Amino acid sequence: MKLLSVNVALPRNVEHRGRTVRTAIYKEPVSRRVRVARLNIQGDRQADLRVHGGPDKAVYAYDLSGYDHWKRELGEELPFGQLGENLTVEGMPETEVSIGDAYRIGTALLQVTQPRSPCGKLVMKMGRPQFARDFLASGRTGFYLRVLEEGEIGAGDAIVLVSREPDGMTVERLTRLTYGEARLTAS
């Protein structure tokens, strides 16, 4: 498992359909090592703290296999950070990562807390009205992490599984239970 990219953004205003939307979904890769703190990554913030951020959603990770899926589905290459993730990772698909798993990345220790639920800002950024539905149906939602130990991370760091919950449920399974099997498999 490997950290491919660390992506950050500060909240900004964007115009969408005649209104101003405050968002931090426009993540960009950084080339330096950054500090992971309890509530976010250095250089990153969340725009709407009612639904994003907080101790259980401090960091959002998305696996490379999801990018491969969207390249096939959309017929285009997407840059890392396109889906709003802080960490673009390799070898951590939702079918294998479980809620409660703890991972060491650099000097930080992170724990998986929940799948990501798509929001209107992701739909806005992707420019596809049905993207939230397609995102959920794909089962490739990525996942949020809490910070158990603050530290520094950088692209290229190995990701090491430190502990696994014995009865942990995979991210994909929890997504399917939360949103309904039928809804997720409908095209």
N, C-alpha and C. Protein backbone atom coordinates (compact mmCIF):
# COMPACT_ATOMS: atom_id res chain seq x y z
N MET A 1 0.85 -1.17 0.00
CA MET A 1 0.00 0.00 0.00
C MET A 1 0.89 1.23 0.00
N LYS A 2 0.43 2.26 -0.71
CA LYS A 2 1.27 3.43 -0.90
C LYS A 2 0.44 4.71 -0.99
N LEU A 3 1.00 5.78 -0.47
CA LEU A 3 0.40 7.11 -0.59
C LEU A 3 0.90 7.72 -1.89
N LEU A 4 0.01 7.91 -2.85
CA LEU A 4 0.40 8.44 -4.16
C LEU A 4 0.41 9.95 -4.20
N SER A 5 -0.51 10.59 -3.49
CA SER A 5 -0.63 12.04 -3.56
C SER A 5 -1.30 12.57 -2.29
N VAL A 6 -0.83 13.72 -1.82
CA VAL A 6 -1.48 14.46 -0.74
C VAL A 6 -2.08 15.70 -1.40
N ASN A 7 -3.38 15.93 -1.18
CA ASN A 7 -4.12 16.98 -1.88
C ASN A 7 -4.80 17.89 -0.86
N VAL A 8 -4.65 19.19 -1.05
CA VAL A 8 -5.22 20.15 -0.10
C VAL A 8 -5.88 21.31 -0.84
N ALA A 9 -6.74 22.02 -0.12
CA ALA A 9 -7.36 23.25 -0.63
C ALA A 9 -7.93 24.03 0.54
N LEU A 10 -7.95 25.31 0.37
CA LEU A 10 -8.62 26.19 1.33
C LEU A 10 -9.99 26.55 0.76
N PRO A 11 -10.97 26.84 1.60
CA PRO A 11 -12.29 27.23 1.08
C PRO A 11 -12.20 28.45 0.18
N ARG A 12 -13.03 28.42 -0.85
CA ARG A 12 -13.12 29.56 -1.77
C ARG A 12 -14.54 29.63 -2.33
N ASN A 13 -14.86 30.78 -2.86
CA ASN A 13 -16.17 30.97 -3.47
C ASN A 13 -16.09 30.66 -4.95
N VAL A 14 -17.07 29.89 -5.45
CA VAL A 14 -17.18 29.62 -6.88
C VAL A 14 -18.61 29.92 -7.31
N GLU A 15 -18.75 30.34 -8.54
CA GLU A 15 -20.07 30.61 -9.09
C GLU A 15 -20.60 29.33 -9.72
N HIS A 16 -21.84 28.98 -9.36
CA HIS A 16 -22.47 27.79 -9.91
C HIS A 16 -23.96 28.05 -10.07
N ARG A 17 -24.42 27.99 -11.31
CA ARG A 17 -25.84 28.19 -11.62
C ARG A 17 -26.40 29.48 -11.03
N GLY A 18 -25.64 30.53 -11.17
CA GLY A 18 -26.11 31.85 -10.75
C GLY A 18 -26.00 32.14 -9.27
N ARG A 19 -25.34 31.28 -8.52
CA ARG A 19 -25.18 31.56 -7.09
C ARG A 19 -23.73 31.29 -6.67
N THR A 20 -23.37 31.87 -5.56
CA THR A 20 -22.03 31.69 -5.02
C THR A 20 -22.03 30.53 -4.05
N VAL A 21 -21.10 29.61 -4.25
CA VAL A 21 -20.98 28.42 -3.40
C VAL A 21 -19.61 28.45 -2.74
N ARG A 22 -19.58 28.27 -1.44
CA ARG A 22 -18.31 28.20 -0.70
C ARG A 22 -17.91 26.74 -0.62
N THR A 23 -16.70 26.42 -1.08
CA THR A 23 -16.26 25.03 -1.12
C THR A 23 -14.75 24.91 -1.01
N ALA A 24 -14.32 23.75 -0.56
CA ALA A 24 -12.89 23.42 -0.53
C ALA A 24 -12.65 22.11 -1.28
N ILE A 25 -13.54 21.77 -2.21
CA ILE A 25 -13.43 20.50 -2.93
C ILE A 25 -12.36 20.53 -4.02
N TYR A 26 -11.88 21.70 -4.37
CA TYR A 26 -10.89 21.82 -5.45
C TYR A 26 -9.48 21.55 -4.92
N LYS A 27 -9.25 20.29 -4.54
CA LYS A 27 -7.97 19.88 -3.95
C LYS A 27 -6.88 19.82 -5.03
N GLU A 28 -5.68 20.22 -4.63
CA GLU A 28 -4.51 20.18 -5.51
C GLU A 28 -3.40 19.41 -4.81
N PRO A 29 -2.66 18.58 -5.57
CA PRO A 29 -1.53 17.86 -4.97
C PRO A 29 -0.44 18.82 -4.47
N VAL A 30 0.20 18.43 -3.38
CA VAL A 30 1.36 19.18 -2.87
C VAL A 30 2.60 18.31 -3.01
N SER A 31 3.74 18.94 -3.22
CA SER A 31 4.96 18.18 -3.46
C SER A 31 5.83 18.03 -2.22
N ARG A 32 5.40 18.62 -1.13
CA ARG A 32 6.21 18.58 0.10
C ARG A 32 5.53 17.69 1.14
N ARG A 33 6.26 17.37 2.18
CA ARG A 33 5.68 16.66 3.32
C ARG A 33 4.81 17.66 4.09
N VAL A 34 3.71 17.19 4.63
CA VAL A 34 2.80 18.07 5.37
C VAL A 34 2.43 17.42 6.70
N ARG A 35 2.03 18.26 7.62
CA ARG A 35 1.63 17.80 8.95
C ARG A 35 0.15 17.42 8.94
N VAL A 36 -0.14 16.28 9.55
CA VAL A 36 -1.52 15.85 9.75
C VAL A 36 -1.85 16.14 11.20
N ALA A 37 -2.83 17.00 11.41
CA ALA A 37 -3.27 17.36 12.76
C ALA A 37 -4.62 16.70 13.04
N ARG A 38 -5.11 16.86 14.25
CA ARG A 38 -6.36 16.19 14.66
C ARG A 38 -7.56 16.48 13.76
N LEU A 39 -7.63 17.70 13.20
CA LEU A 39 -8.81 18.08 12.44
C LEU A 39 -8.59 18.25 10.95
N ASN A 40 -7.34 18.23 10.50
CA ASN A 40 -7.10 18.36 9.06
C ASN A 40 -5.61 18.25 8.74
N ILE A 41 -5.33 18.40 7.47
CA ILE A 41 -3.96 18.36 6.98
C ILE A 41 -3.49 19.81 6.77
N GLN A 42 -2.22 20.05 7.04
CA GLN A 42 -1.64 21.38 6.83
C GLN A 42 -1.97 21.88 5.42
N GLY A 43 -2.53 23.09 5.35
CA GLY A 43 -2.89 23.68 4.07
C GLY A 43 -4.27 23.32 3.59
N ASP A 44 -5.02 22.56 4.38
CA ASP A 44 -6.36 22.13 3.98
C ASP A 44 -7.38 22.56 5.02
N ARG A 45 -8.55 22.90 4.57
CA ARG A 45 -9.67 23.21 5.45
C ARG A 45 -10.95 22.69 4.80
N GLN A 46 -12.01 22.62 5.58
CA GLN A 46 -13.32 22.25 5.07
C GLN A 46 -14.19 23.50 5.09
N ALA A 47 -15.03 23.64 4.07
CA ALA A 47 -15.86 24.84 3.96
C ALA A 47 -17.14 24.75 4.78
N ASP A 48 -17.73 23.59 4.85
CA ASP A 48 -19.01 23.42 5.54
C ASP A 48 -18.83 22.41 6.66
N LEU A 49 -18.57 22.90 7.85
CA LEU A 49 -18.28 22.02 8.98
C LEU A 49 -19.51 21.28 9.51
N ARG A 50 -20.69 21.58 8.99
CA ARG A 50 -21.88 20.82 9.39
C ARG A 50 -21.84 19.40 8.82
N VAL A 51 -21.21 19.23 7.65
CA VAL A 51 -21.20 17.92 7.00
C VAL A 51 -19.80 17.40 6.67
N HIS A 52 -18.79 18.25 6.78
CA HIS A 52 -17.42 17.84 6.49
C HIS A 52 -16.53 18.16 7.68
N GLY A 53 -15.44 17.44 7.80
CA GLY A 53 -14.47 17.73 8.85
C GLY A 53 -14.89 17.19 10.20
N GLY A 54 -14.19 17.66 11.21
CA GLY A 54 -14.39 17.17 12.56
C GLY A 54 -13.45 16.00 12.83
N PRO A 55 -13.40 15.54 14.06
CA PRO A 55 -12.44 14.49 14.41
C PRO A 55 -12.63 13.18 13.65
N ASP A 56 -13.86 12.83 13.29
CA ASP A 56 -14.08 11.56 12.59
C ASP A 56 -14.00 11.68 11.07
N LYS A 57 -13.86 12.89 10.57
CA LYS A 57 -13.74 13.13 9.12
C LYS A 57 -12.59 14.10 8.85
N ALA A 58 -11.50 13.92 9.58
CA ALA A 58 -10.36 14.83 9.46
C ALA A 58 -9.66 14.69 8.12
N VAL A 59 -9.61 13.47 7.59
CA VAL A 59 -8.88 13.17 6.37
C VAL A 59 -9.75 12.27 5.50
N TYR A 60 -9.75 12.53 4.19
CA TYR A 60 -10.51 11.72 3.25
C TYR A 60 -9.54 11.04 2.28
N ALA A 61 -9.65 9.72 2.15
CA ALA A 61 -8.77 8.94 1.28
C ALA A 61 -9.57 8.29 0.15
N TYR A 62 -8.92 8.19 -1.02
CA TYR A 62 -9.55 7.57 -2.19
C TYR A 62 -8.51 6.71 -2.90
N ASP A 63 -8.92 5.49 -3.25
CA ASP A 63 -7.99 4.53 -3.84
C ASP A 63 -7.86 4.70 -5.36
N LEU A 64 -6.67 4.39 -5.85
CA LEU A 64 -6.36 4.45 -7.27
C LEU A 64 -7.32 3.61 -8.11
N SER A 65 -7.80 2.48 -7.57
CA SER A 65 -8.73 1.65 -8.33
C SER A 65 -10.01 2.41 -8.69
N GLY A 66 -10.40 3.36 -7.85
CA GLY A 66 -11.55 4.22 -8.17
C GLY A 66 -11.25 5.11 -9.36
N TYR A 67 -10.05 5.65 -9.40
CA TYR A 67 -9.66 6.47 -10.56
C TYR A 67 -9.66 5.64 -11.83
N ASP A 68 -9.18 4.40 -11.75
CA ASP A 68 -9.21 3.51 -12.91
C ASP A 68 -10.65 3.27 -13.37
N HIS A 69 -11.55 3.08 -12.41
CA HIS A 69 -12.97 2.88 -12.72
C HIS A 69 -13.54 4.10 -13.46
N TRP A 70 -13.29 5.30 -12.92
CA TRP A 70 -13.86 6.51 -13.53
C TRP A 70 -13.25 6.81 -14.88
N LYS A 71 -12.00 6.43 -15.09
CA LYS A 71 -11.39 6.61 -16.41
C LYS A 71 -12.15 5.77 -17.44
N ARG A 72 -12.49 4.52 -17.08
CA ARG A 72 -13.26 3.66 -17.98
C ARG A 72 -14.68 4.19 -18.16
N GLU A 73 -15.33 4.59 -17.06
CA GLU A 73 -16.72 5.05 -17.12
C GLU A 73 -16.90 6.38 -17.84
N LEU A 74 -16.00 7.31 -17.57
CA LEU A 74 -16.14 8.67 -18.11
C LEU A 74 -15.34 8.89 -19.38
N GLY A 75 -14.42 7.98 -19.65
CA GLY A 75 -13.60 8.11 -20.86
C GLY A 75 -12.57 9.23 -20.77
N GLU A 76 -12.19 9.57 -19.55
CA GLU A 76 -11.18 10.62 -19.39
C GLU A 76 -10.34 10.37 -18.14
N GLU A 77 -9.14 10.87 -18.18
CA GLU A 77 -8.22 10.80 -17.05
C GLU A 77 -8.62 11.90 -16.06
N LEU A 78 -8.64 11.57 -14.79
CA LEU A 78 -8.93 12.57 -13.76
C LEU A 78 -7.66 12.80 -12.94
N PRO A 79 -7.36 14.06 -12.62
CA PRO A 79 -6.17 14.33 -11.80
C PRO A 79 -6.42 13.94 -10.35
N PHE A 80 -5.37 13.55 -9.64
CA PHE A 80 -5.51 13.25 -8.22
C PHE A 80 -6.05 14.48 -7.50
N GLY A 81 -6.97 14.25 -6.58
CA GLY A 81 -7.65 15.33 -5.87
C GLY A 81 -8.98 15.69 -6.49
N GLN A 82 -9.26 15.19 -7.69
CA GLN A 82 -10.49 15.53 -8.41
C GLN A 82 -11.75 15.19 -7.62
N LEU A 83 -11.70 14.13 -6.83
CA LEU A 83 -12.88 13.70 -6.08
C LEU A 83 -12.93 14.31 -4.68
N GLY A 84 -12.04 15.27 -4.43
CA GLY A 84 -12.04 15.98 -3.16
C GLY A 84 -11.25 15.30 -2.07
N GLU A 85 -10.49 14.24 -2.44
CA GLU A 85 -9.76 13.50 -1.42
C GLU A 85 -8.47 14.21 -1.02
N ASN A 86 -8.12 14.02 0.25
CA ASN A 86 -6.84 14.50 0.76
C ASN A 86 -5.71 13.54 0.40
N LEU A 87 -6.02 12.25 0.45
CA LEU A 87 -5.01 11.24 0.19
C LEU A 87 -5.45 10.37 -0.98
N THR A 88 -4.65 10.33 -2.03
CA THR A 88 -4.86 9.38 -3.10
C THR A 88 -3.93 8.22 -2.78
N VAL A 89 -4.52 7.04 -2.61
CA VAL A 89 -3.77 5.88 -2.12
C VAL A 89 -3.83 4.75 -3.14
N GLU A 90 -2.92 3.80 -2.98
CA GLU A 90 -2.91 2.62 -3.83
C GLU A 90 -2.93 1.38 -2.94
N GLY A 91 -3.78 0.41 -3.30
CA GLY A 91 -3.85 -0.84 -2.55
C GLY A 91 -4.82 -0.82 -1.39
N MET A 92 -5.77 0.13 -1.39
CA MET A 92 -6.74 0.24 -0.30
C MET A 92 -8.17 0.35 -0.84
N PRO A 93 -8.60 -0.62 -1.65
CA PRO A 93 -9.97 -0.54 -2.16
C PRO A 93 -10.99 -0.72 -1.04
N GLU A 94 -12.17 -0.18 -1.25
CA GLU A 94 -13.24 -0.23 -0.27
C GLU A 94 -13.66 -1.65 0.08
N THR A 95 -13.39 -2.59 -0.81
CA THR A 95 -13.73 -3.99 -0.57
C THR A 95 -12.78 -4.66 0.42
N GLU A 96 -11.64 -4.01 0.71
CA GLU A 96 -10.64 -4.60 1.61
C GLU A 96 -10.39 -3.79 2.88
N VAL A 97 -10.71 -2.52 2.86
CA VAL A 97 -10.50 -1.65 4.02
C VAL A 97 -11.73 -1.73 4.91
N SER A 98 -11.51 -1.90 6.21
CA SER A 98 -12.63 -2.02 7.15
C SER A 98 -12.69 -0.86 8.12
N ILE A 99 -13.90 -0.57 8.56
CA ILE A 99 -14.11 0.45 9.59
C ILE A 99 -13.32 0.02 10.83
N GLY A 100 -12.54 0.93 11.38
CA GLY A 100 -11.74 0.64 12.56
C GLY A 100 -10.30 0.27 12.25
N ASP A 101 -9.98 -0.05 10.99
CA ASP A 101 -8.59 -0.34 10.63
C ASP A 101 -7.72 0.87 10.92
N ALA A 102 -6.52 0.64 11.45
CA ALA A 102 -5.58 1.72 11.72
C ALA A 102 -4.35 1.54 10.84
N TYR A 103 -3.90 2.64 10.25
CA TYR A 103 -2.78 2.62 9.32
C TYR A 103 -1.73 3.66 9.72
N ARG A 104 -0.48 3.27 9.56
CA ARG A 104 0.64 4.20 9.75
C ARG A 104 1.03 4.72 8.37
N ILE A 105 1.01 6.04 8.24
CA ILE A 105 1.48 6.70 7.02
C ILE A 105 2.48 7.74 7.48
N GLY A 106 3.71 7.64 7.02
CA GLY A 106 4.74 8.52 7.54
C GLY A 106 4.81 8.35 9.04
N THR A 107 4.74 9.47 9.77
CA THR A 107 4.76 9.39 11.23
C THR A 107 3.37 9.52 11.84
N ALA A 108 2.33 9.60 11.00
CA ALA A 108 0.96 9.73 11.48
C ALA A 108 0.29 8.37 11.60
N LEU A 109 -0.64 8.25 12.53
CA LEU A 109 -1.45 7.05 12.68
C LEU A 109 -2.90 7.45 12.46
N LEU A 110 -3.55 6.82 11.47
CA LEU A 110 -4.91 7.17 11.07
C LEU A 110 -5.81 5.94 11.18
N GLN A 111 -7.10 6.19 11.48
CA GLN A 111 -8.06 5.09 11.63
C GLN A 111 -9.29 5.35 10.77
N VAL A 112 -9.71 4.34 10.03
CA VAL A 112 -10.88 4.43 9.16
C VAL A 112 -12.13 4.56 10.01
N THR A 113 -12.98 5.56 9.67
CA THR A 113 -14.20 5.79 10.45
C THR A 113 -15.49 5.54 9.69
N GLN A 114 -15.54 5.90 8.40
CA GLN A 114 -16.80 5.77 7.66
C GLN A 114 -16.57 6.00 6.17
N PRO A 115 -17.52 5.50 5.34
CA PRO A 115 -17.44 5.79 3.92
C PRO A 115 -17.80 7.26 3.67
N ARG A 116 -17.39 7.75 2.53
CA ARG A 116 -17.77 9.10 2.15
C ARG A 116 -19.14 9.06 1.48
N SER A 117 -19.97 10.01 1.83
CA SER A 117 -21.26 10.19 1.18
C SER A 117 -21.08 11.34 0.19
N PRO A 118 -21.47 11.16 -1.07
CA PRO A 118 -21.27 12.24 -2.04
C PRO A 118 -22.15 13.44 -1.72
N CYS A 119 -21.63 14.61 -2.01
CA CYS A 119 -22.37 15.84 -1.73
C CYS A 119 -22.59 16.61 -3.03
N GLY A 120 -23.40 17.63 -2.93
CA GLY A 120 -23.70 18.47 -4.08
C GLY A 120 -22.47 19.15 -4.65
N LYS A 121 -21.49 19.41 -3.83
CA LYS A 121 -20.28 20.06 -4.32
C LYS A 121 -19.46 19.12 -5.20
N LEU A 122 -19.50 17.82 -4.91
CA LEU A 122 -18.85 16.85 -5.79
C LEU A 122 -19.57 16.81 -7.13
N VAL A 123 -20.89 16.80 -7.10
CA VAL A 123 -21.69 16.81 -8.32
C VAL A 123 -21.37 18.08 -9.12
N MET A 124 -21.31 19.21 -8.44
CA MET A 124 -20.99 20.48 -9.08
C MET A 124 -19.62 20.41 -9.76
N LYS A 125 -18.63 19.93 -9.04
CA LYS A 125 -17.27 19.88 -9.58
C LYS A 125 -17.18 18.92 -10.77
N MET A 126 -17.85 17.79 -10.69
CA MET A 126 -17.80 16.82 -11.78
C MET A 126 -18.62 17.27 -12.99
N GLY A 127 -19.59 18.17 -12.77
CA GLY A 127 -20.39 18.67 -13.88
C GLY A 127 -21.32 17.61 -14.47
N ARG A 128 -21.73 16.66 -13.65
CA ARG A 128 -22.60 15.58 -14.08
C ARG A 128 -23.73 15.44 -13.06
N PRO A 129 -24.96 15.80 -13.42
CA PRO A 129 -26.07 15.80 -12.45
C PRO A 129 -26.30 14.46 -11.76
N GLN A 130 -26.02 13.35 -12.41
CA GLN A 130 -26.26 12.03 -11.82
C GLN A 130 -25.02 11.45 -11.13
N PHE A 131 -23.98 12.28 -10.94
CA PHE A 131 -22.74 11.73 -10.43
C PHE A 131 -22.87 11.17 -9.01
N ALA A 132 -23.66 11.77 -8.16
CA ALA A 132 -23.81 11.25 -6.78
C ALA A 132 -24.37 9.83 -6.83
N ARG A 133 -25.37 9.62 -7.65
CA ARG A 133 -25.96 8.29 -7.79
C ARG A 133 -24.93 7.31 -8.36
N ASP A 134 -24.22 7.72 -9.40
CA ASP A 134 -23.21 6.85 -10.02
C ASP A 134 -22.06 6.56 -9.06
N PHE A 135 -21.69 7.55 -8.29
CA PHE A 135 -20.60 7.41 -7.32
C PHE A 135 -20.96 6.35 -6.29
N LEU A 136 -22.16 6.44 -5.73
CA LEU A 136 -22.61 5.43 -4.76
C LEU A 136 -22.76 4.06 -5.40
N ALA A 137 -23.34 4.01 -6.59
CA ALA A 137 -23.55 2.73 -7.27
C ALA A 137 -22.24 2.02 -7.56
N SER A 138 -21.18 2.78 -7.77
CA SER A 138 -19.88 2.18 -8.08
C SER A 138 -19.29 1.46 -6.87
N GLY A 139 -19.73 1.84 -5.66
CA GLY A 139 -19.14 1.29 -4.44
C GLY A 139 -17.78 1.87 -4.14
N ARG A 140 -17.31 2.78 -4.98
CA ARG A 140 -15.99 3.40 -4.83
C ARG A 140 -16.16 4.79 -4.24
N THR A 141 -16.42 4.82 -2.95
CA THR A 141 -16.72 6.08 -2.26
C THR A 141 -15.51 6.68 -1.56
N GLY A 142 -14.48 5.88 -1.35
CA GLY A 142 -13.40 6.33 -0.49
C GLY A 142 -13.87 6.26 0.96
N PHE A 143 -13.04 6.79 1.85
CA PHE A 143 -13.38 6.69 3.26
C PHE A 143 -12.70 7.80 4.06
N TYR A 144 -13.34 8.11 5.19
CA TYR A 144 -12.79 9.10 6.11
C TYR A 144 -11.92 8.42 7.16
N LEU A 145 -10.98 9.22 7.68
CA LEU A 145 -10.08 8.73 8.73
C LEU A 145 -10.02 9.75 9.85
N ARG A 146 -9.86 9.22 11.07
CA ARG A 146 -9.57 10.08 12.23
C ARG A 146 -8.07 9.98 12.47
N VAL A 147 -7.52 11.00 13.11
CA VAL A 147 -6.09 11.05 13.40
C VAL A 147 -5.87 10.57 14.83
N LEU A 148 -5.24 9.41 14.96
CA LEU A 148 -4.93 8.87 16.29
C LEU A 148 -3.62 9.45 16.81
N GLU A 149 -2.67 9.65 15.91
CA GLU A 149 -1.40 10.28 16.25
C GLU A 149 -1.05 11.26 15.15
N GLU A 150 -0.85 12.52 15.52
CA GLU A 150 -0.43 13.51 14.55
C GLU A 150 0.96 13.18 14.04
N GLY A 151 1.27 13.64 12.84
CA GLY A 151 2.58 13.38 12.27
C GLY A 151 2.71 14.02 10.90
N GLU A 152 3.76 13.63 10.19
CA GLU A 152 4.01 14.15 8.84
C GLU A 152 3.87 13.03 7.82
N ILE A 153 3.31 13.42 6.66
CA ILE A 153 3.14 12.48 5.56
C ILE A 153 3.59 13.14 4.27
N GLY A 154 3.84 12.31 3.26
CA GLY A 154 4.19 12.82 1.95
C GLY A 154 3.98 11.76 0.89
N ALA A 155 3.76 12.21 -0.35
CA ALA A 155 3.59 11.29 -1.47
C ALA A 155 4.79 10.35 -1.51
N GLY A 156 4.50 9.09 -1.74
CA GLY A 156 5.54 8.06 -1.79
C GLY A 156 5.66 7.27 -0.51
N ASP A 157 5.05 7.75 0.58
CA ASP A 157 5.12 7.02 1.85
C ASP A 157 4.42 5.67 1.73
N ALA A 158 4.99 4.68 2.39
CA ALA A 158 4.33 3.39 2.52
C ALA A 158 3.15 3.55 3.49
N ILE A 159 2.13 2.75 3.27
CA ILE A 159 0.98 2.70 4.17
C ILE A 159 1.00 1.32 4.81
N VAL A 160 1.06 1.29 6.13
CA VAL A 160 1.21 0.03 6.85
C VAL A 160 -0.01 -0.19 7.75
N LEU A 161 -0.66 -1.35 7.58
CA LEU A 161 -1.76 -1.71 8.46
C LEU A 161 -1.19 -2.03 9.83
N VAL A 162 -1.66 -1.28 10.85
CA VAL A 162 -1.18 -1.45 12.21
C VAL A 162 -2.12 -2.35 13.01
N SER A 163 -3.42 -2.16 12.80
CA SER A 163 -4.38 -3.00 13.50
C SER A 163 -5.67 -3.09 12.69
N ARG A 164 -6.36 -4.19 12.89
CA ARG A 164 -7.62 -4.42 12.20
C ARG A 164 -8.65 -4.84 13.23
N GLU A 165 -9.83 -4.25 13.16
CA GLU A 165 -10.92 -4.64 14.04
C GLU A 165 -11.33 -6.07 13.70
N PRO A 166 -11.39 -6.96 14.68
CA PRO A 166 -11.71 -8.36 14.38
C PRO A 166 -13.09 -8.53 13.74
N ASP A 167 -14.03 -7.69 14.10
CA ASP A 167 -15.37 -7.78 13.52
C ASP A 167 -15.66 -6.60 12.61
N GLY A 168 -14.60 -5.98 12.08
CA GLY A 168 -14.78 -4.79 11.25
C GLY A 168 -15.53 -5.10 9.96
N MET A 169 -16.32 -4.15 9.55
CA MET A 169 -17.09 -4.25 8.31
C MET A 169 -16.35 -3.45 7.24
N THR A 170 -16.29 -3.98 6.02
CA THR A 170 -15.60 -3.24 4.97
C THR A 170 -16.35 -1.94 4.65
N VAL A 171 -15.62 -0.99 4.12
CA VAL A 171 -16.21 0.28 3.72
C VAL A 171 -17.30 0.04 2.69
N GLU A 172 -17.04 -0.83 1.73
CA GLU A 172 -18.04 -1.12 0.70
C GLU A 172 -19.31 -1.71 1.31
N ARG A 173 -19.17 -2.63 2.24
CA ARG A 173 -20.34 -3.26 2.86
C ARG A 173 -21.17 -2.24 3.65
N LEU A 174 -20.50 -1.39 4.40
CA LEU A 174 -21.22 -0.36 5.15
C LEU A 174 -21.92 0.61 4.20
N THR A 175 -21.29 0.94 3.09
CA THR A 175 -21.94 1.81 2.10
C THR A 175 -23.21 1.15 1.59
N ARG A 176 -23.12 -0.13 1.26
CA ARG A 176 -24.29 -0.84 0.74
C ARG A 176 -25.40 -0.96 1.79
N LEU A 177 -25.05 -1.17 3.04
CA LEU A 177 -26.06 -1.22 4.10
C LEU A 177 -26.68 0.15 4.34
N THR A 178 -25.87 1.18 4.28
CA THR A 178 -26.36 2.54 4.54
C THR A 178 -27.28 3.04 3.43
N TYR A 179 -26.89 2.79 2.18
CA TYR A 179 -27.63 3.36 1.06
C TYR A 179 -28.54 2.37 0.36
N GLY A 180 -28.49 1.10 0.75
CA GLY A 180 -29.36 0.10 0.17
C GLY A 180 -28.73 -0.60 -1.02
N GLU A 181 -28.72 -1.90 -0.96
CA GLU A 181 -28.12 -2.72 -2.02
C GLU A 181 -28.74 -2.42 -3.38
N ALA A 182 -30.06 -2.37 -3.46
CA ALA A 182 -30.72 -2.16 -4.74
C ALA A 182 -30.36 -0.80 -5.33
N ARG A 183 -30.33 0.22 -4.50
CA ARG A 183 -30.02 1.56 -4.98
C ARG A 183 -28.60 1.63 -5.51
N LEU A 184 -27.69 0.91 -4.88
CA LEU A 184 -26.29 0.95 -5.30
C LEU A 184 -26.02 0.17 -6.57
N THR A 185 -26.80 -0.83 -6.84
CA THR A 185 -26.54 -1.62 -8.03
C THR A 185 -27.38 -1.17 -9.22
N ALA A 186 -28.28 -0.22 -9.03
CA ALA A 186 -29.08 0.30 -10.13
C ALA A 186 -28.20 1.17 -11.02
N SER A 187 -28.40 1.06 -12.31
CA SER A 187 -27.59 1.88 -13.24
C SER A 187 -28.40 2.96 -13.89
